Amino acid sequence: MGEPDRAKSRKNAMTNTIIKRQSIQKKDLLEKLKETPVVEVACRKIGIARATYYRWKINDEKFAKEAELALEAGSALVNDMAESQLLTAIKDQNMTAIIFWLKHHHQAYATKVEVTANLKNQNETLTPEQEALVTKALQLASLIPAVEKEGQK
């Protein structure tokens, strides 16, 4: 075997080793994201930089999809834990927890907004600018869902 063949063989072996290591790290990271849905924390726990995570997401479509699913699963886990703690606090007669639950789960206790106006001409149509302004105000008041613009999340 000639010198160039040995160098090529070493390079291939090194590349294979890197690919194997990254595959293991990706798998470990996905598991951590299911437990802790915070990218910075999960990356730190397995010993990689956040930038590596984002580079993998850009360069590996399969990993990107799996990462999103792992983050969703992790968020669901945290939500379940938080809801469990909230129910425990309610059982312990924690008034703040009781109020929170009622405001968010019982129509009679929900936050209400009353809008009154003295309209001169009720049949007047809004200009596109006025309509956009009213829509934005309602979104900021969380009275209607905010519309995600393309490219934003």
Protein backbone atom coordinates (compact mmCIF):
# COMPACT_ATOMS: atom_id res chain seq x y z
CA MET A 1 0.00 0.00 0.00
CA GLY A 2 1.46 3.32 -1.04
CA GLU A 3 1.75 6.47 1.06
CA PRO A 4 -1.24 8.23 -0.62
CA ASP A 5 -3.44 5.18 -0.01
CA ARG A 6 -2.55 5.15 3.71
CA ALA A 7 -3.33 8.87 4.03
CA LYS A 8 -6.67 8.38 2.28
CA SER A 9 -7.47 5.40 4.50
CA ARG A 10 -6.64 7.40 7.66
CA LYS A 11 -8.81 10.29 6.46
CA ASN A 12 -11.74 7.95 5.79
CA ALA A 13 -11.35 6.35 9.22
CA MET A 14 -11.28 9.78 10.85
CA THR A 15 -14.37 10.89 8.92
CA ASN A 16 -16.22 7.73 9.94
CA THR A 17 -15.26 8.31 13.58
CA ILE A 18 -16.60 11.89 13.46
CA ILE A 19 -19.84 10.76 11.83
CA LYS A 20 -20.33 8.05 14.50
CA ARG A 21 -19.60 10.52 17.31
CA GLN A 22 -22.04 13.08 15.90
CA SER A 23 -24.70 10.43 15.48
CA ILE A 24 -24.37 9.46 19.15
CA GLN A 25 -24.37 13.13 20.23
CA LYS A 26 -27.48 13.85 18.16
CA LYS A 27 -29.28 10.88 19.71
CA ASP A 28 -28.23 11.94 23.23
CA LEU A 29 -29.29 15.54 22.55
CA LEU A 30 -32.72 14.48 21.33
CA GLU A 31 -33.22 12.49 24.55
CA LYS A 32 -32.13 15.48 26.67
CA LEU A 33 -34.52 17.79 24.79
CA LYS A 34 -37.38 15.42 25.68
CA GLU A 35 -36.44 15.79 29.36
CA THR A 36 -35.40 19.45 29.33
CA PRO A 37 -36.89 21.46 26.44
CA VAL A 38 -34.29 24.23 26.67
CA VAL A 39 -31.66 24.03 23.92
CA GLU A 40 -28.90 25.74 25.93
CA VAL A 41 -29.35 23.43 28.94
CA ALA A 42 -29.64 20.24 26.87
CA CYS A 43 -26.53 21.11 24.85
CA ARG A 44 -24.53 21.89 27.98
CA LYS A 45 -25.57 18.56 29.56
CA ILE A 46 -24.19 16.54 26.65
CA GLY A 47 -21.16 18.78 26.12
CA ILE A 48 -21.81 20.49 22.79
CA ALA A 49 -22.18 24.15 21.88
CA ARG A 50 -25.57 25.65 21.03
CA ALA A 51 -24.13 26.68 17.68
CA THR A 52 -23.53 23.00 16.91
CA TYR A 53 -27.20 22.25 17.57
CA TYR A 54 -28.32 25.00 15.19
CA ARG A 55 -25.78 23.93 12.55
CA TRP A 56 -27.09 20.37 12.75
CA LYS A 57 -30.64 21.67 12.34
CA ILE A 58 -29.65 23.56 9.20
CA ASN A 59 -27.58 20.75 7.67
CA ASP A 60 -29.68 17.72 8.68
CA GLU A 61 -33.39 17.91 7.85
CA LYS A 62 -34.15 14.63 9.65
CA PHE A 63 -32.45 15.87 12.81
CA ALA A 64 -34.34 19.19 12.57
CA LYS A 65 -37.69 17.38 12.48
CA GLU A 66 -36.70 15.06 15.32
CA ALA A 67 -35.48 18.02 17.38
CA GLU A 68 -38.81 19.83 16.96
CA LEU A 69 -40.67 16.69 18.06
CA ALA A 70 -38.32 16.27 21.04
CA LEU A 71 -38.85 19.91 22.07
CA GLU A 72 -42.62 19.46 21.83
CA ALA A 73 -42.45 16.29 23.94
CA GLY A 74 -40.25 18.07 26.49
CA SER A 75 -42.64 21.02 26.67
CA ALA A 76 -45.57 18.66 27.16
CA LEU A 77 -43.68 16.99 30.02
CA VAL A 78 -42.97 20.34 31.70
CA ASN A 79 -46.59 21.40 31.20
CA ASP A 80 -47.78 18.17 32.85
CA MET A 81 -45.42 18.73 35.78
CA ALA A 82 -46.55 22.36 36.16
CA GLU A 83 -50.20 21.38 36.03
CA SER A 84 -49.57 18.69 38.64
CA GLN A 85 -47.89 21.25 40.91
CA LEU A 86 -50.78 23.67 40.36
CA LEU A 87 -53.30 21.02 41.38
CA THR A 88 -51.23 20.23 44.48
CA ALA A 89 -51.18 23.94 45.37
CA ILE A 90 -54.97 24.10 44.94
CA LYS A 91 -55.37 21.09 47.26
CA ASP A 92 -53.17 22.93 49.77
CA GLN A 93 -55.63 25.86 49.56
CA ASN A 94 -53.16 28.21 47.88
CA MET A 95 -55.43 31.12 46.93
CA THR A 96 -53.19 32.33 44.09
CA ALA A 97 -53.31 28.87 42.50
CA ILE A 98 -57.08 28.71 42.95
CA ILE A 99 -57.57 32.12 41.31
CA PHE A 100 -55.22 31.22 38.45
CA TRP A 101 -57.09 27.98 37.77
CA LEU A 102 -60.49 29.64 37.84
CA LYS A 103 -59.43 32.54 35.59
CA HIS A 104 -58.08 30.14 32.98
CA HIS A 105 -60.58 27.25 33.25
CA HIS A 106 -63.94 28.77 34.22
CA GLN A 107 -65.80 31.19 31.97
CA ALA A 108 -67.38 33.09 34.88
CA TYR A 109 -63.94 34.03 36.28
CA ALA A 110 -62.17 34.81 33.02
CA THR A 111 -60.74 38.27 32.48
CA LYS A 112 -63.23 40.36 30.55
CA VAL A 113 -62.76 43.48 28.47
CA GLU A 114 -65.67 45.79 27.87
CA VAL A 115 -65.51 48.13 24.91
CA THR A 116 -68.00 50.96 24.66
CA ALA A 117 -68.16 53.57 21.95
CA ASN A 118 -70.34 56.38 20.80
CA LEU A 119 -70.58 55.84 17.05
CA LYS A 120 -71.82 58.54 14.68
CA ASN A 121 -72.17 56.39 11.61
CA GLN A 122 -72.30 52.66 12.25
CA ASN A 123 -72.27 51.85 8.53
CA GLU A 124 -68.98 53.61 7.88
CA THR A 125 -66.28 51.25 6.64
CA LEU A 126 -62.74 51.37 7.92
CA THR A 127 -59.81 52.22 5.73
CA PRO A 128 -57.22 49.43 5.37
CA GLU A 129 -54.90 51.38 7.70
CA GLN A 130 -57.64 51.72 10.34
CA GLU A 131 -58.51 48.05 10.02
CA ALA A 132 -54.85 47.08 10.48
CA LEU A 133 -54.61 49.32 13.54
CA VAL A 134 -57.73 47.83 15.15
CA THR A 135 -56.52 44.29 14.41
CA LYS A 136 -53.11 45.03 15.93
CA ALA A 137 -54.75 46.51 19.05
CA LEU A 138 -56.97 43.45 19.48
CA GLN A 139 -53.95 41.15 19.05
CA LEU A 140 -51.92 43.10 21.61
CA ALA A 141 -54.84 42.83 24.03
CA SER A 142 -54.89 39.06 23.34
CA LEU A 143 -58.51 39.30 22.26
CA ILE A 144 -57.74 37.67 18.93
CA PRO A 145 -54.83 35.37 18.08
CA ALA A 146 -51.73 37.03 16.70
CA VAL A 147 -51.02 36.12 13.09
CA GLU A 148 -47.48 34.84 12.55
CA LYS A 149 -45.72 36.58 9.71
CA GLU A 150 -43.82 34.45 7.25
CA GLY A 151 -40.29 33.89 8.51
CA GLN A 152 -41.21 34.64 12.15
CA LYS A 153 -41.93 32.24 14.93
